[in-house]
């Protein structure tokens, strides 16, 4: 088993990010009706809800974009998995 990832914080404590992630994942999976991946998108209601959220305004994205304006012709490096809403130019 890999060693826990413990990063000292400014207050001298160590934070086990792996344990935090695992605890959150277990809570998420315990939600009644939980489905992930392909199984989630097999239900039409889930797809419609997902699309409705993605079709409207995204205040978080707007705030992030307002903070930096990449120059014309800039390249973007997308690091990590996810929907790609936020990236570093």
Protein backbone atom coordinates (compact mmCIF):
# COMPACT_ATOMS: atom_id res chain seq x y z
CA UNK A 1 0.00 0.00 0.00
CA UNK A 2 1.40 3.45 -0.90
CA UNK A 3 2.41 5.83 1.85
CA UNK A 4 -0.15 8.54 2.66
CA UNK A 5 0.46 11.89 1.04
CA UNK A 6 1.00 14.20 4.00
CA UNK A 7 1.78 17.81 3.24
CA UNK A 8 2.71 20.18 6.07
CA UNK A 9 0.37 23.14 6.24
CA UNK A 10 1.38 26.64 7.42
CA UNK A 11 0.35 25.75 10.98
CA UNK A 12 2.70 22.77 11.23
CA UNK A 13 0.03 20.09 10.89
CA UNK A 14 0.18 17.35 8.29
CA UNK A 15 -2.80 16.80 6.01
CA UNK A 16 -3.43 13.31 4.64
CA UNK A 17 -5.05 14.24 1.33
CA UNK A 18 -5.54 10.60 0.35
CA UNK A 19 -7.57 9.91 3.51
CA UNK A 20 -9.65 13.05 2.91
CA UNK A 21 -10.35 12.00 -0.69
CA UNK A 22 -11.28 8.44 0.36
CA UNK A 23 -13.67 9.67 3.06
CA UNK A 24 -15.41 12.01 0.62
CA UNK A 25 -15.61 9.30 -2.05
CA UNK A 26 -17.21 6.87 0.43
CA UNK A 27 -19.80 9.49 1.43
CA UNK A 28 -20.52 10.21 -2.23
CA UNK A 29 -21.00 6.54 -3.11
CA UNK A 30 -23.27 6.05 -0.07
CA UNK A 31 -25.86 8.49 -1.47
CA UNK A 32 -29.04 6.55 -2.39
CA UNK A 33 -29.28 6.10 -6.15
CA UNK A 34 -25.58 6.87 -6.72
CA UNK A 35 -24.32 5.90 -10.16
CA UNK A 36 -21.13 6.93 -11.87
CA UNK A 37 -19.65 6.83 -15.33
CA UNK A 38 -21.66 5.29 -18.12
CA UNK A 39 -24.39 4.07 -15.76
CA UNK A 40 -25.17 7.64 -14.73
CA UNK A 41 -25.78 8.74 -18.32
CA UNK A 42 -28.03 5.78 -19.12
CA UNK A 43 -30.88 7.62 -17.37
CA UNK A 44 -32.44 10.34 -19.52
CA UNK A 45 -33.31 12.52 -16.50
CA UNK A 46 -29.62 12.60 -15.51
CA UNK A 47 -28.58 13.62 -19.02
CA UNK A 48 -31.19 16.39 -19.16
CA UNK A 49 -30.16 17.72 -15.74
CA UNK A 50 -26.48 17.64 -16.74
CA UNK A 51 -27.11 19.51 -20.00
CA UNK A 52 -29.34 22.10 -18.30
CA UNK A 53 -26.56 22.94 -15.83
CA UNK A 54 -23.97 23.19 -18.60
CA UNK A 55 -26.15 25.29 -20.91
CA UNK A 56 -26.71 28.22 -18.57
CA UNK A 57 -24.37 30.83 -17.15
CA UNK A 58 -21.42 29.61 -15.12
CA UNK A 59 -20.57 32.28 -12.50
CA UNK A 60 -17.45 30.43 -11.30
CA UNK A 61 -16.06 30.21 -14.82
CA UNK A 62 -16.87 33.87 -15.48
CA UNK A 63 -15.00 34.92 -12.30
CA UNK A 64 -11.95 32.88 -13.30
CA UNK A 65 -11.89 34.26 -16.84
CA UNK A 66 -12.20 37.81 -15.53
CA UNK A 67 -8.95 37.31 -13.60
CA UNK A 68 -6.77 36.71 -16.61
CA UNK A 69 -7.01 37.52 -20.24
CA UNK A 70 -4.62 35.46 -22.37
CA UNK A 71 -3.12 37.36 -25.29
CA UNK A 72 -4.33 36.57 -28.80
CA UNK A 73 -2.64 33.47 -30.16
CA UNK A 74 -1.72 32.12 -26.71
CA UNK A 75 -1.53 28.35 -26.24
CA UNK A 76 -3.41 26.61 -23.45
CA UNK A 77 -2.11 23.66 -21.41
CA UNK A 78 -4.89 21.56 -19.86
CA UNK A 79 -3.53 19.49 -16.97
CA UNK A 80 -5.45 16.64 -15.42
CA UNK A 81 -8.81 15.04 -15.93
CA UNK A 82 -12.02 16.97 -15.85
CA UNK A 83 -14.30 18.98 -18.08
CA UNK A 84 -11.60 21.51 -18.98
CA UNK A 85 -13.45 24.57 -17.70
CA UNK A 86 -10.33 26.04 -16.15
CA UNK A 87 -6.93 25.85 -17.83
CA UNK A 88 -3.55 27.59 -17.66
CA UNK A 89 -2.45 29.52 -20.76
